Amino acid sequence: MAIDDRSARTIATLKQLARELNVPVEAFLQAPAEGEAGDLLTLARLWSAIPDTQGRRRVLSVARQEAERSEGKERA
């Protein structure tokens, strides 16, 4: 994948995330905020740095496992 293609894909992803989170795209380009919002922005930056589909699927798998584990704790 060419750098221009990756950059375009990253910009498109950031724009979509910004729309979904109702924040300006610039929020992803600044130093992360503290707490949950900062963690989310850091996660988005890390996600966009993963160039391959398999890598992203591994990250999603871990996130799903953690979400399921957390749901189980809430039910207990």
N, C-alpha and C. Protein backbone atom coordinates (compact mmCIF):
# COMPACT_ATOMS: atom_id res chain seq x y z
N MET A 1 0.85 -1.17 0.00
CA MET A 1 0.00 0.00 0.00
C MET A 1 0.90 1.24 0.00
N ALA A 2 0.61 2.16 -0.87
CA ALA A 2 1.39 3.39 -0.97
C ALA A 2 1.12 4.29 0.23
N ILE A 3 2.09 5.14 0.54
CA ILE A 3 1.93 6.05 1.67
C ILE A 3 0.73 6.96 1.45
N ASP A 4 0.54 7.45 0.23
CA ASP A 4 -0.60 8.33 -0.04
C ASP A 4 -1.92 7.61 0.21
N ASP A 5 -2.00 6.34 -0.17
CA ASP A 5 -3.22 5.55 0.07
C ASP A 5 -3.46 5.39 1.57
N ARG A 6 -2.40 5.12 2.30
CA ARG A 6 -2.53 4.93 3.76
C ARG A 6 -2.93 6.24 4.42
N SER A 7 -2.34 7.34 3.98
CA SER A 7 -2.69 8.65 4.54
C SER A 7 -4.15 8.99 4.25
N ALA A 8 -4.59 8.74 3.04
CA ALA A 8 -5.98 9.02 2.68
C ALA A 8 -6.93 8.17 3.51
N ARG A 9 -6.55 6.90 3.71
CA ARG A 9 -7.39 6.00 4.52
C ARG A 9 -7.43 6.46 5.97
N THR A 10 -6.28 6.90 6.49
CA THR A 10 -6.22 7.38 7.86
C THR A 10 -7.08 8.64 8.04
N ILE A 11 -6.99 9.56 7.10
CA ILE A 11 -7.79 10.78 7.17
C ILE A 11 -9.27 10.45 7.11
N ALA A 12 -9.65 9.54 6.23
CA ALA A 12 -11.06 9.14 6.12
C ALA A 12 -11.54 8.51 7.42
N THR A 13 -10.71 7.68 8.02
CA THR A 13 -11.07 7.03 9.28
C THR A 13 -11.22 8.06 10.40
N LEU A 14 -10.30 9.00 10.47
CA LEU A 14 -10.39 10.04 11.50
C LEU A 14 -11.63 10.90 11.32
N LYS A 15 -11.97 11.21 10.08
CA LYS A 15 -13.18 11.99 9.83
C LYS A 15 -14.42 11.23 10.27
N GLN A 16 -14.46 9.94 9.98
CA GLN A 16 -15.60 9.13 10.39
C GLN A 16 -15.69 9.05 11.91
N LEU A 17 -14.56 8.82 12.57
CA LEU A 17 -14.55 8.78 14.03
C LEU A 17 -14.99 10.11 14.62
N ALA A 18 -14.51 11.20 14.05
CA ALA A 18 -14.88 12.52 14.54
C ALA A 18 -16.39 12.73 14.44
N ARG A 19 -16.97 12.32 13.31
CA ARG A 19 -18.43 12.43 13.16
C ARG A 19 -19.15 11.60 14.20
N GLU A 20 -18.72 10.35 14.38
CA GLU A 20 -19.38 9.45 15.33
C GLU A 20 -19.26 9.94 16.77
N LEU A 21 -18.12 10.54 17.10
CA LEU A 21 -17.88 10.99 18.47
C LEU A 21 -18.29 12.45 18.68
N ASN A 22 -18.70 13.10 17.59
CA ASN A 22 -19.12 14.50 17.64
C ASN A 22 -18.00 15.40 18.17
N VAL A 23 -16.80 15.18 17.63
CA VAL A 23 -15.65 16.01 17.98
C VAL A 23 -14.99 16.47 16.68
N PRO A 24 -14.23 17.56 16.72
CA PRO A 24 -13.52 17.97 15.51
C PRO A 24 -12.36 17.01 15.21
N VAL A 25 -12.03 16.87 13.94
CA VAL A 25 -10.91 16.00 13.54
C VAL A 25 -9.63 16.42 14.25
N GLU A 26 -9.48 17.71 14.48
CA GLU A 26 -8.28 18.23 15.13
C GLU A 26 -8.06 17.62 16.50
N ALA A 27 -9.13 17.14 17.14
CA ALA A 27 -9.00 16.52 18.47
C ALA A 27 -8.07 15.31 18.41
N PHE A 28 -8.00 14.65 17.26
CA PHE A 28 -7.14 13.48 17.13
C PHE A 28 -5.68 13.86 16.88
N LEU A 29 -5.44 15.11 16.57
CA LEU A 29 -4.09 15.55 16.23
C LEU A 29 -3.41 16.27 17.38
N GLN A 30 -4.14 16.49 18.45
CA GLN A 30 -3.61 17.17 19.63
C GLN A 30 -3.12 16.15 20.63
N ALA A 31 -2.43 16.64 21.65
CA ALA A 31 -2.03 15.76 22.75
C ALA A 31 -3.30 15.21 23.39
N PRO A 32 -3.32 13.93 23.71
CA PRO A 32 -4.53 13.34 24.26
C PRO A 32 -4.91 13.95 25.61
N ALA A 33 -6.21 14.06 25.79
CA ALA A 33 -6.75 14.55 27.06
C ALA A 33 -6.55 13.48 28.13
N GLU A 34 -6.77 13.85 29.35
CA GLU A 34 -6.67 12.90 30.45
C GLU A 34 -7.93 12.04 30.51
N GLY A 35 -7.82 10.87 31.09
CA GLY A 35 -8.97 10.03 31.36
C GLY A 35 -9.49 9.29 30.15
N GLU A 36 -10.76 8.98 30.21
CA GLU A 36 -11.40 8.13 29.21
C GLU A 36 -11.33 8.72 27.80
N ALA A 37 -11.56 10.02 27.67
CA ALA A 37 -11.51 10.65 26.34
C ALA A 37 -10.11 10.54 25.75
N GLY A 38 -9.11 10.76 26.57
CA GLY A 38 -7.73 10.64 26.10
C GLY A 38 -7.39 9.22 25.70
N ASP A 39 -7.89 8.26 26.48
CA ASP A 39 -7.66 6.85 26.14
C ASP A 39 -8.29 6.51 24.79
N LEU A 40 -9.49 7.02 24.57
CA LEU A 40 -10.18 6.75 23.32
C LEU A 40 -9.42 7.34 22.13
N LEU A 41 -8.93 8.55 22.29
CA LEU A 41 -8.16 9.18 21.22
C LEU A 41 -6.85 8.43 20.97
N THR A 42 -6.21 8.00 22.03
CA THR A 42 -4.98 7.22 21.88
C THR A 42 -5.27 5.91 21.15
N LEU A 43 -6.36 5.26 21.50
CA LEU A 43 -6.74 4.03 20.83
C LEU A 43 -6.99 4.27 19.34
N ALA A 44 -7.65 5.35 19.01
CA ALA A 44 -7.91 5.67 17.60
C ALA A 44 -6.61 5.90 16.85
N ARG A 45 -5.67 6.59 17.47
CA ARG A 45 -4.37 6.82 16.83
C ARG A 45 -3.63 5.51 16.61
N LEU A 46 -3.63 4.66 17.63
CA LEU A 46 -2.95 3.37 17.51
C LEU A 46 -3.61 2.51 16.44
N TRP A 47 -4.93 2.53 16.41
CA TRP A 47 -5.68 1.77 15.41
C TRP A 47 -5.27 2.18 14.00
N SER A 48 -5.18 3.47 13.77
CA SER A 48 -4.84 3.95 12.43
C SER A 48 -3.40 3.63 12.07
N ALA A 49 -2.57 3.33 13.06
CA ALA A 49 -1.18 2.97 12.81
C ALA A 49 -1.01 1.50 12.44
N ILE A 50 -2.04 0.70 12.60
CA ILE A 50 -1.97 -0.73 12.26
C ILE A 50 -2.33 -0.87 10.79
N PRO A 51 -1.36 -1.23 9.95
CA PRO A 51 -1.61 -1.22 8.51
C PRO A 51 -2.35 -2.43 7.95
N ASP A 52 -2.36 -3.54 8.68
CA ASP A 52 -2.94 -4.74 8.08
C ASP A 52 -4.23 -5.18 8.77
N THR A 53 -5.09 -5.81 8.00
CA THR A 53 -6.39 -6.26 8.49
C THR A 53 -6.24 -7.28 9.62
N GLN A 54 -5.30 -8.18 9.50
CA GLN A 54 -5.13 -9.20 10.55
C GLN A 54 -4.74 -8.57 11.88
N GLY A 55 -3.88 -7.58 11.84
CA GLY A 55 -3.50 -6.89 13.06
C GLY A 55 -4.69 -6.22 13.72
N ARG A 56 -5.51 -5.59 12.91
CA ARG A 56 -6.71 -4.94 13.46
C ARG A 56 -7.69 -5.96 14.00
N ARG A 57 -7.81 -7.08 13.35
CA ARG A 57 -8.70 -8.13 13.86
C ARG A 57 -8.22 -8.66 15.20
N ARG A 58 -6.90 -8.77 15.38
CA ARG A 58 -6.37 -9.21 16.68
C ARG A 58 -6.72 -8.21 17.77
N VAL A 59 -6.59 -6.92 17.45
CA VAL A 59 -6.94 -5.88 18.43
C VAL A 59 -8.42 -5.97 18.77
N LEU A 60 -9.27 -6.13 17.77
CA LEU A 60 -10.71 -6.25 18.01
C LEU A 60 -11.02 -7.48 18.86
N SER A 61 -10.32 -8.57 18.61
CA SER A 61 -10.54 -9.79 19.39
C SER A 61 -10.24 -9.55 20.86
N VAL A 62 -9.13 -8.88 21.14
CA VAL A 62 -8.78 -8.58 22.53
C VAL A 62 -9.82 -7.65 23.15
N ALA A 63 -10.25 -6.64 22.40
CA ALA A 63 -11.25 -5.70 22.91
C ALA A 63 -12.56 -6.42 23.21
N ARG A 64 -12.97 -7.32 22.33
CA ARG A 64 -14.21 -8.08 22.56
C ARG A 64 -14.08 -8.95 23.81
N GLN A 65 -12.94 -9.60 23.97
CA GLN A 65 -12.73 -10.45 25.14
C GLN A 65 -12.82 -9.63 26.42
N GLU A 66 -12.21 -8.46 26.42
CA GLU A 66 -12.26 -7.60 27.61
C GLU A 66 -13.68 -7.12 27.88
N ALA A 67 -14.42 -6.76 26.82
CA ALA A 67 -15.80 -6.31 27.00
C ALA A 67 -16.66 -7.44 27.57
N GLU A 68 -16.49 -8.66 27.06
CA GLU A 68 -17.25 -9.79 27.56
C GLU A 68 -16.89 -10.09 29.01
N ARG A 69 -15.60 -9.99 29.33
CA ARG A 69 -15.15 -10.23 30.71
C ARG A 69 -15.75 -9.18 31.65
N SER A 70 -15.78 -7.94 31.20
CA SER A 70 -16.36 -6.86 32.01
C SER A 70 -17.85 -7.04 32.20
N GLU A 71 -18.54 -7.48 31.14
CA GLU A 71 -20.00 -7.72 31.25
C GLU A 71 -20.26 -8.83 32.25
N GLY A 72 -19.42 -9.84 32.26
CA GLY A 72 -19.58 -10.93 33.21
C GLY A 72 -19.42 -10.47 34.64
N LYS A 73 -18.51 -9.55 34.89
CA LYS A 73 -18.29 -9.02 36.24
C LYS A 73 -19.51 -8.20 36.69
N GLU A 74 -20.13 -7.45 35.76
CA GLU A 74 -21.29 -6.65 36.11
C GLU A 74 -22.48 -7.51 36.49
N ARG A 75 -22.60 -8.66 35.87
CA ARG A 75 -23.73 -9.56 36.14
C ARG A 75 -23.57 -10.26 37.49
N ALA A 76 -22.32 -10.44 37.91
CA ALA A 76 -22.06 -11.20 39.15
C ALA A 76 -22.44 -10.43 40.38
